C-alpha atoms as a PDB file:
ATOM      1  CA  MET A   1     184.333 -58.157  37.561  1.00  0.00           C
ATOM      2  CA  ALA A   2     186.133 -58.922  40.798  1.00  0.00           C
ATOM      3  CA  VAL A   3     186.508 -56.466  43.676  1.00  0.00           C
ATOM      4  CA  SER A   4     188.983 -56.316  45.983  1.00  0.00           C
ATOM      5  CA  GLU A   5     189.032 -54.395  49.170  1.00  0.00           C
ATOM      6  CA  THR A   6     192.306 -53.093  51.565  1.00  0.00           C
ATOM      7  CA  PRO A   7     191.138 -51.006  54.752  1.00  0.00           C
ATOM      8  CA  GLY A   8     190.482 -47.654  53.243  1.00  0.00           C
ATOM      9  CA  THR A   9     189.945 -48.479  50.072  1.00  0.00           C
ATOM     10  CA  ARG A  10     188.227 -50.632  47.204  1.00  0.00           C
ATOM     11  CA  THR A  11     189.268 -51.434  43.511  1.00  0.00           C
ATOM     12  CA  THR A  12     187.842 -53.192  41.254  1.00  0.00           C
ATOM     13  CA  THR A  13     189.822 -55.467  38.588  1.00  0.00           C
ATOM     14  CA  THR A  14     188.523 -56.032  35.157  1.00  0.00           C
ATOM     15  CA  PRO A  15     189.140 -58.443  32.559  1.00  0.00           C
ATOM     16  CA  VAL A  16     191.202 -56.352  31.024  1.00  0.00           C
ATOM     17  CA  VAL A  17     193.701 -55.679  33.520  1.00  0.00           C
ATOM     18  CA  VAL A  18     193.455 -59.658  34.095  1.00  0.00           C
ATOM     19  CA  VAL A  19     195.095 -59.461  30.712  1.00  0.00           C
ATOM     20  CA  ARG A  20     197.192 -56.631  31.067  1.00  0.00           C
ATOM     21  CA  ARG A  21     198.803 -58.290  34.343  1.00  0.00           C
ATOM     22  CA  VAL A  22     198.933 -61.631  32.436  1.00  0.00           C
ATOM     23  CA  ARG A  23     200.429 -59.961  29.054  1.00  0.00           C
ATOM     24  CA  ASP A  24     203.210 -58.209  31.679  1.00  0.00           C
ATOM     25  CA  VAL A  25     204.420 -61.946  33.453  1.00  0.00           C
ATOM     26  CA  VAL A  26     204.846 -63.328  30.017  1.00  0.00           C
ATOM     27  CA  PRO A  27     208.508 -62.562  29.080  1.00  0.00           C
ATOM     28  CA  GLY A  28     210.565 -63.202  32.249  1.00  0.00           C
ATOM     29  CA  LEU A  29     208.426 -66.256  32.661  1.00  0.00           C
ATOM     30  CA  LEU A  30     208.943 -67.602  29.616  1.00  0.00           C
ATOM     31  CA  ALA A  31     213.121 -66.399  30.018  1.00  0.00           C
ATOM     32  CA  ALA A  32     213.179 -68.191  33.541  1.00  0.00           C
ATOM     33  CA  LEU A  33     211.751 -71.537  32.055  1.00  0.00           C
ATOM     34  CA  ALA A  34     213.607 -71.481  28.876  1.00  0.00           C
ATOM     35  CA  VAL A  35     216.965 -71.255  31.667  1.00  0.00           C
ATOM     36  CA  ALA A  36     215.321 -73.684  33.501  1.00  0.00           C
ATOM     37  CA  GLY A  37     215.431 -76.686  30.734  1.00  0.00           C
ATOM     38  CA  VAL A  38     218.655 -75.300  30.637  1.00  0.00           C
ATOM     39  CA  ALA A  39     219.891 -75.684  33.219  1.00  0.00           C
ATOM     40  CA  THR A  40     218.140 -78.622  34.258  1.00  0.00           C
ATOM     41  CA  ALA A  41     219.657 -81.151  30.961  1.00  0.00           C
ATOM     42  CA  ALA A  42     222.717 -79.446  32.183  1.00  0.00           C
ATOM     43  CA  GLY A  43     221.918 -81.035  35.632  1.00  0.00           C
ATOM     44  CA  ALA A  44     221.729 -83.949  34.041  1.00  0.00           C
ATOM     45  CA  GLU A  45     224.953 -84.490  33.520  1.00  0.00           C
ATOM     46  CA  VAL A  46     226.782 -82.673  36.242  1.00  0.00           C
ATOM     47  CA  PRO A  47     224.437 -84.325  38.813  1.00  0.00           C
ATOM     48  CA  VAL A  48     226.675 -83.175  41.906  1.00  0.00           C
ATOM     49  CA  VAL A  49     225.774 -79.795  41.065  1.00  0.00           C
ATOM     50  CA  GLY A  50     222.278 -80.357  40.320  1.00  0.00           C
ATOM     51  CA  GLY A  51     219.896 -78.299  38.297  1.00  0.00           C
ATOM     52  CA  PRO A  52     218.807 -75.753  41.032  1.00  0.00           C
ATOM     53  CA  VAL A  53     221.769 -74.494  41.415  1.00  0.00           C
ATOM     54  CA  LEU A  54     222.721 -74.328  37.302  1.00  0.00           C
ATOM     55  CA  GLY A  55     219.449 -72.182  36.963  1.00  0.00           C
ATOM     56  CA  ILE A  56     220.605 -69.649  39.617  1.00  0.00           C
ATOM     57  CA  VAL A  57     224.149 -69.748  38.193  1.00  0.00           C
ATOM     58  CA  ILE A  58     223.127 -69.144  34.880  1.00  0.00           C
ATOM     59  CA  GLY A  59     220.223 -66.582  35.526  1.00  0.00           C
ATOM     60  CA  LEU A  60     222.362 -64.948  37.371  1.00  0.00           C
ATOM     61  CA  LEU A  61     225.105 -65.019  34.291  1.00  0.00           C
ATOM     62  CA  LEU A  62     222.425 -63.707  32.031  1.00  0.00           C
ATOM     63  CA  ALA A  63     221.240 -60.719  34.050  1.00  0.00           C
ATOM     64  CA  THR A  64     224.680 -59.383  34.284  1.00  0.00           C
ATOM     65  CA  VAL A  65     224.927 -59.564  30.895  1.00  0.00           C
ATOM     66  CA  LEU A  66     221.857 -58.895  29.438  1.00  0.00           C
ATOM     67  CA  ALA A  67     220.892 -56.694  31.809  1.00  0.00           C
ATOM     68  CA  PRO A  68     216.880 -57.539  31.503  1.00  0.00           C
ATOM     69  CA  GLY A  69     214.980 -54.368  31.819  1.00  0.00           C
ATOM     70  CA  PRO A  70     211.665 -53.530  33.733  1.00  0.00           C
ATOM     71  CA  ARG A  71     209.432 -55.328  31.436  1.00  0.00           C
ATOM     72  CA  TRP A  72     211.017 -58.159  32.435  1.00  0.00           C
ATOM     73  CA  ARG A  73     210.880 -58.270  36.410  1.00  0.00           C
ATOM     74  CA  PRO A  74     207.140 -59.224  36.615  1.00  0.00           C
ATOM     75  CA  GLY A  75     207.481 -62.659  35.316  1.00  0.00           C
ATOM     76  CA  PHE A  76     210.495 -63.084  36.946  1.00  0.00           C
ATOM     77  CA  ALA A  77     208.611 -61.966  40.623  1.00  0.00           C
ATOM     78  CA  VAL A  78     205.959 -64.722  39.686  1.00  0.00           C
ATOM     79  CA  ALA A  79     208.774 -67.861  38.756  1.00  0.00           C
ATOM     80  CA  ALA A  80     210.671 -66.475  42.118  1.00  0.00           C
ATOM     81  CA  ARG A  81     207.506 -66.785  44.110  1.00  0.00           C
ATOM     82  CA  PRO A  82     204.380 -68.309  43.218  1.00  0.00           C
ATOM     83  CA  VAL A  83     206.187 -71.063  41.206  1.00  0.00           C
ATOM     84  CA  LEU A  84     208.215 -71.615  44.224  1.00  0.00           C
ATOM     85  CA  GLN A  85     205.565 -72.232  46.667  1.00  0.00           C
ATOM     86  CA  ALA A  86     203.567 -75.115  44.550  1.00  0.00           C
ATOM     87  CA  SER A  87     207.189 -76.714  43.559  1.00  0.00           C
ATOM     88  CA  ILE A  88     207.200 -77.534  47.292  1.00  0.00           C
ATOM     89  CA  VAL A  89     203.780 -78.254  47.360  1.00  0.00           C
ATOM     90  CA  VAL A  90     204.344 -80.722  44.201  1.00  0.00           C
ATOM     91  CA  LEU A  91     207.788 -82.191  46.121  1.00  0.00           C
ATOM     92  CA  GLY A  92     205.389 -82.798  49.800  1.00  0.00           C
ATOM     93  CA  ALA A  93     203.614 -85.556  47.361  1.00  0.00           C
ATOM     94  CA  THR A  94     206.872 -87.616  47.270  1.00  0.00           C
ATOM     95  CA  LEU A  95     207.532 -87.508  50.750  1.00  0.00           C
ATOM     96  CA  SER A  96     205.416 -90.127  52.770  1.00  0.00           C
ATOM     97  CA  LEU A  97     204.230 -88.965  56.607  1.00  0.00           C
ATOM     98  CA  THR A  98     205.101 -92.344  58.085  1.00  0.00           C
ATOM     99  CA  GLN A  99     208.851 -91.756  56.709  1.00  0.00           C
ATOM    100  CA  VAL A 100     210.289 -90.223  59.702  1.00  0.00           C
ATOM    101  CA  ALA A 101     208.572 -93.420  61.920  1.00  0.00           C
ATOM    102  CA  ALA A 102     210.590 -96.058  59.147  1.00  0.00           C
ATOM    103  CA  VAL A 103     213.732 -94.825  60.089  1.00  0.00           C
ATOM    104  CA  GLY A 104     213.133 -95.541  63.524  1.00  0.00           C
ATOM    105  CA  LEU A 105     213.853 -93.646  66.525  1.00  0.00           C
ATOM    106  CA  SER A 106     217.797 -94.052  66.082  1.00  0.00           C
ATOM    107  CA  SER A 107     218.025 -91.614  63.484  1.00  0.00           C
ATOM    108  CA  LEU A 108     215.377 -88.769  65.489  1.00  0.00           C
ATOM    109  CA  PRO A 109     218.335 -87.503  68.652  1.00  0.00           C
ATOM    110  CA  VAL A 110     220.680 -87.073  64.753  1.00  0.00           C
ATOM    111  CA  MET A 111     217.929 -85.130  62.791  1.00  0.00           C
ATOM    112  CA  LEU A 112     216.955 -82.933  66.412  1.00  0.00           C
ATOM    113  CA  GLY A 113     220.583 -82.851  67.619  1.00  0.00           C
ATOM    114  CA  THR A 114     221.985 -81.310  63.812  1.00  0.00           C
ATOM    115  CA  LEU A 115     218.749 -79.689  63.785  1.00  0.00           C
ATOM    116  CA  VAL A 116     219.889 -77.283  67.077  1.00  0.00           C
ATOM    117  CA  VAL A 117     223.409 -76.731  65.881  1.00  0.00           C
ATOM    118  CA  ALA A 118     222.891 -75.304  63.020  1.00  0.00           C
ATOM    119  CA  LEU A 119     220.001 -73.004  63.733  1.00  0.00           C
ATOM    120  CA  GLY A 120     221.660 -72.182  66.933  1.00  0.00           C
ATOM    121  CA  GLY A 121     225.003 -72.200  65.682  1.00  0.00           C
ATOM    122  CA  ALA A 122     223.917 -69.274  62.739  1.00  0.00           C
ATOM    123  CA  TRP A 123     221.545 -67.435  65.564  1.00  0.00           C
ATOM    124  CA  LEU A 124     225.183 -66.816  67.641  1.00  0.00           C
ATOM    125  CA  LEU A 125     227.551 -67.162  65.178  1.00  0.00           C
ATOM    126  CA  GLY A 126     225.119 -64.648  62.486  1.00  0.00           C
ATOM    127  CA  ARG A 127     225.641 -61.805  65.059  1.00  0.00           C
ATOM    128  CA  LEU A 128     229.975 -62.878  66.445  1.00  0.00           C
ATOM    129  CA  LEU A 129     230.588 -61.923  62.290  1.00  0.00           C
ATOM    130  CA  GLY A 130     228.138 -58.574  61.641  1.00  0.00           C
ATOM    131  CA  ILE A 131     225.650 -61.083  59.394  1.00  0.00           C
ATOM    132  CA  GLU A 132     222.629 -59.431  58.449  1.00  0.00           C
ATOM    133  CA  ARG A 133     219.840 -61.469  59.769  1.00  0.00           C
ATOM    134  CA  ASP A 134     217.901 -62.413  56.514  1.00  0.00           C
ATOM    135  CA  THR A 135     221.448 -63.917  55.463  1.00  0.00           C
ATOM    136  CA  THR A 136     221.934 -65.627  58.759  1.00  0.00           C
ATOM    137  CA  LEU A 137     219.038 -67.106  58.572  1.00  0.00           C
ATOM    138  CA  LEU A 138     219.087 -68.659  55.529  1.00  0.00           C
ATOM    139  CA  VAL A 139     222.555 -69.994  55.552  1.00  0.00           C
ATOM    140  CA  GLY A 140     221.401 -71.762  58.996  1.00  0.00           C
ATOM    141  CA  VAL A 141     217.915 -73.124  57.526  1.00  0.00           C
ATOM    142  CA  GLY A 142     220.057 -74.156  54.336  1.00  0.00           C
ATOM    143  CA  THR A 143     222.655 -75.921  56.458  1.00  0.00           C
ATOM    144  CA  ALA A 144     220.257 -77.452  58.755  1.00  0.00           C
ATOM    145  CA  ILE A 145     217.350 -78.885  56.758  1.00  0.00           C
ATOM    146  CA  CYS A 146     217.648 -79.398  52.563  1.00  0.00           C
ATOM    147  CA  GLY A 147     219.895 -77.392  50.780  1.00  0.00           C
ATOM    148  CA  ALA A 148     218.612 -74.664  48.264  1.00  0.00           C
ATOM    149  CA  SER A 149     215.023 -76.055  48.775  1.00  0.00           C
ATOM    150  CA  ALA A 150     214.691 -74.903  52.600  1.00  0.00           C
ATOM    151  CA  ILE A 151     216.029 -71.535  50.959  1.00  0.00           C
ATOM    152  CA  ALA A 152     213.909 -71.658  48.853  1.00  0.00           C
ATOM    153  CA  ALA A 153     210.803 -72.636  51.256  1.00  0.00           C
ATOM    154  CA  THR A 154     211.826 -70.035  53.753  1.00  0.00           C
ATOM    155  CA  GLN A 155     212.214 -67.054  50.829  1.00  0.00           C
ATOM    156  CA  SER A 156     209.058 -67.695  50.464  1.00  0.00           C
ATOM    157  CA  VAL A 157     207.939 -65.772  53.875  1.00  0.00           C
ATOM    158  CA  LEU A 158     210.455 -64.238  54.666  1.00  0.00           C
ATOM    159  CA  ARG A 159     210.958 -62.185  51.384  1.00  0.00           C
ATOM    160  CA  ALA A 160     214.380 -61.157  51.540  1.00  0.00           C
ATOM    161  CA  ARG A 161     216.773 -59.667  48.503  1.00  0.00           C
ATOM    162  CA  GLU A 162     218.088 -61.703  45.526  1.00  0.00           C
ATOM    163  CA  SER A 163     221.096 -61.195  46.336  1.00  0.00           C
ATOM    164  CA  THR A 164     220.410 -62.755  50.090  1.00  0.00           C
ATOM    165  CA  VAL A 165     219.428 -65.768  48.534  1.00  0.00           C
ATOM    166  CA  ALA A 166     221.515 -66.362  45.783  1.00  0.00           C
ATOM    167  CA  TYR A 167     224.776 -65.756  48.530  1.00  0.00           C
ATOM    168  CA  ALA A 168     222.619 -68.264  50.865  1.00  0.00           C
ATOM    169  CA  ILE A 169     222.676 -70.687  48.014  1.00  0.00           C
ATOM    170  CA  GLY A 170     225.849 -69.788  46.645  1.00  0.00           C
ATOM    171  CA  THR A 171     227.313 -70.527  50.288  1.00  0.00           C
ATOM    172  CA  ILE A 172     225.689 -74.003  50.785  1.00  0.00           C
ATOM    173  CA  PHE A 173     226.965 -75.074  47.012  1.00  0.00           C
ATOM    174  CA  VAL A 174     230.149 -74.563  48.087  1.00  0.00           C
ATOM    175  CA  PHE A 175     229.854 -76.830  50.797  1.00  0.00           C
ATOM    176  CA  ASN A 176     227.925 -79.717  48.918  1.00  0.00           C
ATOM    177  CA  ILE A 177     230.289 -80.204  46.752  1.00  0.00           C
ATOM    178  CA  ALA A 178     233.239 -80.320  49.126  1.00  0.00           C
ATOM    179  CA  ALA A 179     230.268 -82.752  50.710  1.00  0.00           C
ATOM    180  CA  VAL A 180     230.642 -85.550  48.128  1.00  0.00           C
ATOM    181  CA  LEU A 181     234.475 -85.523  47.498  1.00  0.00           C
ATOM    182  CA  ALA A 182     235.734 -85.196  51.505  1.00  0.00           C
ATOM    183  CA  PHE A 183     232.651 -87.269  53.173  1.00  0.00           C
ATOM    184  CA  PRO A 184     233.266 -91.151  51.683  1.00  0.00           C
ATOM    185  CA  PRO A 185     237.134 -91.047  51.518  1.00  0.00           C
ATOM    186  CA  ILE A 186     236.563 -89.960  56.126  1.00  0.00           C
ATOM    187  CA  GLY A 187     233.831 -92.297  56.252  1.00  0.00           C
ATOM    188  CA  HIS A 188     235.904 -94.950  54.940  1.00  0.00           C
ATOM    189  CA  LEU A 189     238.900 -93.195  57.205  1.00  0.00           C
ATOM    190  CA  LEU A 190     236.183 -93.886  60.211  1.00  0.00           C
ATOM    191  CA  GLY A 191     235.275 -96.797  59.662  1.00  0.00           C
ATOM    192  CA  LEU A 192     231.757 -96.334  59.318  1.00  0.00           C
ATOM    193  CA  ASP A 193     229.032 -99.155  58.296  1.00  0.00           C
ATOM    194  CA  PRO A 194     226.936 -98.093  55.359  1.00  0.00           C
ATOM    195  CA  HIS A 195     223.920 -97.561  57.851  1.00  0.00           C
ATOM    196  CA  ALA A 196     226.006 -95.068  59.834  1.00  0.00           C
ATOM    197  CA  PHE A 197     227.432 -93.584  56.940  1.00  0.00           C
ATOM    198  CA  GLY A 198     223.769 -92.726  55.595  1.00  0.00           C
ATOM    199  CA  LEU A 199     222.714 -90.956  58.524  1.00  0.00           C
ATOM    200  CA  TRP A 200     225.952 -88.865  58.490  1.00  0.00           C
ATOM    201  CA  ALA A 201     225.352 -87.961  54.848  1.00  0.00           C
ATOM    202  CA  GLY A 202     221.689 -87.124  55.342  1.00  0.00           C
ATOM    203  CA  THR A 203     221.590 -85.219  58.485  1.00  0.00           C
ATOM    204  CA  ALA A 204     225.115 -83.185  57.793  1.00  0.00           C
ATOM    205  CA  ILE A 205     224.830 -82.904  53.838  1.00  0.00           C
ATOM    206  CA  ASN A 206     222.933 -79.856  52.983  1.00  0.00           C
ATOM    207  CA  ASP A 207     221.171 -81.140  49.480  1.00  0.00           C
ATOM    208  CA  THR A 208     219.577 -83.874  48.150  1.00  0.00           C
ATOM    209  CA  SER A 209     221.362 -84.144  45.310  1.00  0.00           C
ATOM    210  CA  SER A 210     224.448 -84.195  47.013  1.00  0.00           C
ATOM    211  CA  VAL A 211     223.522 -86.620  49.628  1.00  0.00           C
ATOM    212  CA  VAL A 212     223.225 -88.801  46.782  1.00  0.00           C
ATOM    213  CA  ALA A 213     226.386 -88.623  45.149  1.00  0.00           C
ATOM    214  CA  ALA A 214     228.065 -89.690  48.718  1.00  0.00           C
ATOM    215  CA  GLY A 215     225.483 -91.891  49.829  1.00  0.00           C
ATOM    216  CA  TYR A 216     225.568 -93.926  45.943  1.00  0.00           C
ATOM    217  CA  ALA A 217     229.689 -92.912  46.122  1.00  0.00           C
ATOM    218  CA  TYR A 218     229.805 -94.882  49.628  1.00  0.00           C
ATOM    219  CA  GLY A 219     228.663 -98.189  47.977  1.00  0.00           C
ATOM    220  CA  GLY A 220     226.531-101.113  50.100  1.00  0.00           C
ATOM    221  CA  ASP A 221     223.289 -99.946  51.791  1.00  0.00           C
ATOM    222  CA  ALA A 222     224.443 -96.244  52.054  1.00  0.00           C
ATOM    223  CA  GLY A 223     222.411 -94.457  49.440  1.00  0.00           C
ATOM    224  CA  PRO A 224     219.097 -96.068  50.293  1.00  0.00           C
ATOM    225  CA  TYR A 225     219.166 -95.122  53.667  1.00  0.00           C
ATOM    226  CA  SER A 226     221.053 -91.841  53.317  1.00  0.00           C
ATOM    227  CA  VAL A 227     218.271 -90.825  51.250  1.00  0.00           C
ATOM    228  CA  VAL A 228     215.662 -91.925  53.471  1.00  0.00           C
ATOM    229  CA  VAL A 229     217.174 -89.640  56.598  1.00  0.00           C
ATOM    230  CA  LYS A 230     217.254 -86.840  53.787  1.00  0.00           C
ATOM    231  CA  LEU A 231     213.667 -87.119  53.622  1.00  0.00           C
ATOM    232  CA  THR A 232     212.941 -87.457  56.913  1.00  0.00           C
ATOM    233  CA  ARG A 233     214.621 -84.418  57.762  1.00  0.00           C
ATOM    234  CA  SER A 234     213.280 -82.726  54.932  1.00  0.00           C
ATOM    235  CA  LEU A 235     210.262 -82.610  56.769  1.00  0.00           C
ATOM    236  CA  MET A 236     211.673 -80.165  59.236  1.00  0.00           C
ATOM    237  CA  ILE A 237     210.813 -77.757  56.551  1.00  0.00           C
ATOM    238  CA  ILE A 238     207.418 -76.957  57.871  1.00  0.00           C
ATOM    239  CA  PRO A 239     208.358 -76.418  61.460  1.00  0.00           C
ATOM    240  CA  VAL A 240     211.071 -74.188  60.667  1.00  0.00           C
ATOM    241  CA  VAL A 241     209.064 -72.006  58.060  1.00  0.00           C
ATOM    242  CA  MET A 242     205.666 -72.106  60.469  1.00  0.00           C
ATOM    243  CA  ALA A 243     208.051 -70.146  62.576  1.00  0.00           C
ATOM    244  CA  VAL A 244     209.494 -67.890  60.530  1.00  0.00           C
ATOM    245  CA  ALA A 245     205.881 -67.213  58.483  1.00  0.00           C
ATOM    246  CA  PHE A 246     205.282 -66.403  62.580  1.00  0.00           C
ATOM    247  CA  LEU A 247     208.431 -64.309  63.315  1.00  0.00           C
ATOM    248  CA  VAL A 248     207.619 -61.890  60.373  1.00  0.00           C
ATOM    249  CA  ALA A 249     204.228 -61.316  60.970  1.00  0.00           C
ATOM    250  CA  ARG A 250     204.753 -60.740  63.996  1.00  0.00           C
ATOM    251  CA  ARG A 251     207.706 -58.151  62.790  1.00  0.00           C
ATOM    252  CA  GLY A 252     205.432 -56.419  60.652  1.00  0.00           C
ATOM    253  CA  GLY A 253     203.198 -55.671  63.284  1.00  0.00           C
ATOM    254  CA  ALA A 254     201.007 -58.706  64.059  1.00  0.00           C
ATOM    255  CA  ALA A 255     198.850 -57.100  66.362  1.00  0.00           C
ATOM    256  CA  PRO A 256     196.187 -55.275  64.673  1.00  0.00           C
ATOM    257  CA  ALA A 257     195.491 -51.174  65.378  1.00  0.00           C
ATOM    258  CA  PRO A 258     192.090 -50.617  66.833  1.00  0.00           C
ATOM    259  CA  GLY A 259     189.522 -50.867  64.605  1.00  0.00           C
ATOM    260  CA  ARG A 260     191.793 -52.960  61.580  1.00  0.00           C
ATOM    261  CA  ARG A 261     190.890 -56.091  61.567  1.00  0.00           C
ATOM    262  CA  PRO A 262     193.330 -59.180  63.363  1.00  0.00           C
ATOM    263  CA  LEU A 263     195.947 -60.487  60.646  1.00  0.00           C
ATOM    264  CA  PRO A 264     194.094 -63.871  58.572  1.00  0.00           C
ATOM    265  CA  TRP A 265     195.328 -66.900  59.694  1.00  0.00           C
ATOM    266  CA  THR A 266     197.603 -67.356  55.957  1.00  0.00           C
ATOM    267  CA  ARG A 267     199.522 -64.919  57.192  1.00  0.00           C
ATOM    268  CA  LEU A 268     200.755 -67.159  60.233  1.00  0.00           C
ATOM    269  CA  VAL A 269     200.470 -70.630  58.298  1.00  0.00           C
ATOM    270  CA  PRO A 270     201.189 -70.237  54.647  1.00  0.00           C
ATOM    271  CA  LEU A 271     198.706 -71.890  52.058  1.00  0.00           C
ATOM    272  CA  PHE A 272     201.675 -73.709  50.449  1.00  0.00           C
ATOM    273  CA  LEU A 273     202.280 -75.071  53.729  1.00  0.00           C
ATOM    274  CA  VAL A 274     199.289 -76.219  53.789  1.00  0.00           C
ATOM    275  CA  GLY A 275     198.915 -77.389  50.299  1.00  0.00           C
ATOM    276  CA  PHE A 276     202.607 -79.009  51.282  1.00  0.00           C
ATOM    277  CA  VAL A 277     200.780 -81.527  54.232  1.00  0.00           C
ATOM    278  CA  VAL A 278     198.211 -82.524  51.892  1.00  0.00           C
ATOM    279  CA  ALA A 279     200.438 -83.679  49.459  1.00  0.00           C
ATOM    280  CA  SER A 280     201.977 -85.093  51.733  1.00  0.00           C
ATOM    281  CA  ALA A 281     199.071 -87.186  53.055  1.00  0.00           C
ATOM    282  CA  LEU A 282     197.750 -88.169  50.135  1.00  0.00           C
ATOM    283  CA  THR A 283     201.363 -89.906  49.603  1.00  0.00           C
ATOM    284  CA  THR A 284     200.423 -91.374  52.892  1.00  0.00           C
ATOM    285  CA  VAL A 285     197.286 -92.674  52.249  1.00  0.00           C
ATOM    286  CA  GLY A 286     197.665 -94.026  48.765  1.00  0.00           C
ATOM    287  CA  VAL A 287     196.721 -92.145  46.523  1.00  0.00           C
ATOM    288  CA  VAL A 288     199.724 -90.518  45.126  1.00  0.00           C
ATOM    289  CA  PRO A 289     201.412 -94.162  44.238  1.00  0.00           C
ATOM    290  CA  THR A 290     205.086 -94.920  44.367  1.00  0.00           C
ATOM    291  CA  SER A 291     205.715 -95.241  40.946  1.00  0.00           C
ATOM    292  CA  TRP A 292     204.315 -91.378  40.178  1.00  0.00           C
ATOM    293  CA  HIS A 293     207.942 -90.563  42.940  1.00  0.00           C
ATOM    294  CA  PRO A 294     209.967 -89.737  39.927  1.00  0.00           C
ATOM    295  CA  ALA A 295     207.710 -87.697  37.728  1.00  0.00           C
ATOM    296  CA  VAL A 296     206.233 -85.726  40.497  1.00  0.00           C
ATOM    297  CA  THR A 297     210.065 -85.508  42.168  1.00  0.00           C
ATOM    298  CA  ALA A 298     211.539 -84.323  38.474  1.00  0.00           C
ATOM    299  CA  VAL A 299     208.557 -81.372  38.324  1.00  0.00           C
ATOM    300  CA  GLY A 300     209.206 -80.669  41.431  1.00  0.00           C
ATOM    301  CA  THR A 301     211.906 -80.172  40.662  1.00  0.00           C
ATOM    302  CA  PHE A 302     211.701 -78.393  37.308  1.00  0.00           C
ATOM    303  CA  LEU A 303     209.277 -76.338  39.262  1.00  0.00           C
ATOM    304  CA  ILE A 304     211.639 -74.878  42.055  1.00  0.00           C
ATOM    305  CA  THR A 305     214.940 -74.280  39.224  1.00  0.00           C
ATOM    306  CA  THR A 306     212.596 -71.795  37.306  1.00  0.00           C
ATOM    307  CA  ALA A 307     211.941 -70.534  40.612  1.00  0.00           C
ATOM    308  CA  LEU A 308     216.071 -70.130  41.460  1.00  0.00           C
ATOM    309  CA  ALA A 309     216.198 -69.191  37.685  1.00  0.00           C
ATOM    310  CA  GLY A 310     213.657 -66.149  38.457  1.00  0.00           C
ATOM    311  CA  ILE A 311     215.571 -65.076  41.157  1.00  0.00           C
ATOM    312  CA  GLY A 312     219.326 -65.749  39.440  1.00  0.00           C
ATOM    313  CA  LEU A 313     218.049 -63.168  36.552  1.00  0.00           C
ATOM    314  CA  SER A 314     216.681 -60.993  39.244  1.00  0.00           C
ATOM    315  CA  MET A 315     219.979 -59.314  40.228  1.00  0.00           C
ATOM    316  CA  ARG A 316     223.744 -58.778  39.566  1.00  0.00           C
ATOM    317  CA  LEU A 317     226.934 -60.152  40.810  1.00  0.00           C
ATOM    318  CA  ALA A 318     227.899 -56.892  42.240  1.00  0.00           C
ATOM    319  CA  ASP A 319     225.186 -56.897  45.113  1.00  0.00           C
ATOM    320  CA  LEU A 320     226.697 -60.462  45.238  1.00  0.00           C
ATOM    321  CA  ARG A 321     230.275 -59.042  45.856  1.00  0.00           C
ATOM    322  CA  ARG A 322     228.626 -56.676  48.353  1.00  0.00           C
ATOM    323  CA  ALA A 323     227.560 -59.286  50.595  1.00  0.00           C
ATOM    324  CA  GLY A 324     231.242 -59.781  51.774  1.00  0.00           C
ATOM    325  CA  VAL A 325     232.906 -62.836  52.707  1.00  0.00           C
ATOM    326  CA  ARG A 326     231.403 -63.459  55.615  1.00  0.00           C
ATOM    327  CA  PRO A 327     228.276 -65.641  54.944  1.00  0.00           C
ATOM    328  CA  LEU A 328     231.193 -67.805  53.485  1.00  0.00           C
ATOM    329  CA  LEU A 329     232.920 -67.887  56.910  1.00  0.00           C
ATOM    330  CA  LEU A 330     229.256 -68.594  58.215  1.00  0.00           C
ATOM    331  CA  GLY A 331     228.873 -71.223  55.786  1.00  0.00           C
ATOM    332  CA  GLY A 332     231.951 -72.955  56.786  1.00  0.00           C
ATOM    333  CA  CYS A 333     231.525 -72.834  60.040  1.00  0.00           C
ATOM    334  CA  LEU A 334     228.197 -74.645  59.926  1.00  0.00           C
ATOM    335  CA  TRP A 335     229.032 -77.162  58.122  1.00  0.00           C
ATOM    336  CA  VAL A 336     231.783 -78.142  59.923  1.00  0.00           C
ATOM    337  CA  LEU A 337     229.784 -77.773  63.101  1.00  0.00           C
ATOM    338  CA  VAL A 338     226.814 -80.013  61.700  1.00  0.00           C
ATOM    339  CA  ALA A 339     229.303 -82.632  60.389  1.00  0.00           C
ATOM    340  CA  ALA A 340     230.838 -82.883  63.697  1.00  0.00           C
ATOM    341  CA  SER A 341     227.687 -82.834  65.918  1.00  0.00           C
ATOM    342  CA  SER A 342     225.974 -85.906  63.489  1.00  0.00           C
ATOM    343  CA  LEU A 343     229.508 -88.116  64.198  1.00  0.00           C
ATOM    344  CA  GLY A 344     229.280 -87.250  67.880  1.00  0.00           C
ATOM    345  CA  ILE A 345     225.281 -87.683  68.945  1.00  0.00           C
ATOM    346  CA  GLN A 346     225.925 -91.299  67.053  1.00  0.00           C
ATOM    347  CA  ALA A 347     228.617 -92.683  68.750  1.00  0.00           C
ATOM    348  CA  ILE A 348     227.052 -91.408  71.854  1.00  0.00           C
ATOM    349  CA  ALA A 349     223.878 -93.061  70.616  1.00  0.00           C
ATOM    350  CA  VAL A 350     225.822 -96.479  70.051  1.00  0.00           C
ATOM    351  CA  SER A 351     228.309 -96.702  73.411  1.00  0.00           C
END
């Protein structure tokens, strides 16, 4: 028998209660897994879009057509949060902490500069456009770091509405497709060498799958170089999400009232971020060999597809219509700003 306590209460969790909770979760979780399976297969055929984005799109369409009832929601919630956090830990095992050094000091000013432009631009433009704070933050983080993965990681501590997450991911998706189509011809028009284009794609395209598509379409060493830059950029998830967790804790009242215990450290440093760092450290020291990375990436991507499928199944198209066009305008402005600043910082560094 397990006993849990909250201030002023004492509750007992029996095996029967645990079994009942598991039983409540099964239908919705299986539905999210099934959608993730279909989305993963479809994403393999359309890699520019990718399984995670298709997961939320298919989930949203099914939710709109079938309107699943309350009995499905516990499973959707498990997919949208614990499974999502597990995916982030798993994907951490594909990132070596030494990869930041591998891309060289020359790439760090571009990565950090575009990060500042994206987050600062999101804050300013979001206020000017009158966009909800959570939507502004998710679109900004998705543009600044790594698209749907960064939005998912931030959502794990932000706990925004499902409609907000879906709209942010939809916004990022639109400009991922635009980048894949526009970046290679623009790069050739500007006469960028493969490394310059790889650095541009790795810092200015939101989602990893779209970075790969654009980089390898450009030719030469642009593909591998853009991937290394993108993986390094993905490490920015750690400080950004920790900062969001701190702000969320403060917003919820981080200072304990008299007679109450202070917030546990896990409210400020979520355990999944600790797991992410540990997984990356294991890769760095060779415990997770490089030969495992494709399989680990496939598992992590499937888990995040399941999480996004759960989010999609939880909402309706009407929720997206209520959000309006302003978040899409925010995403477009940030996309242009980040792309231009990446090229501008490279030009300054070379001159």
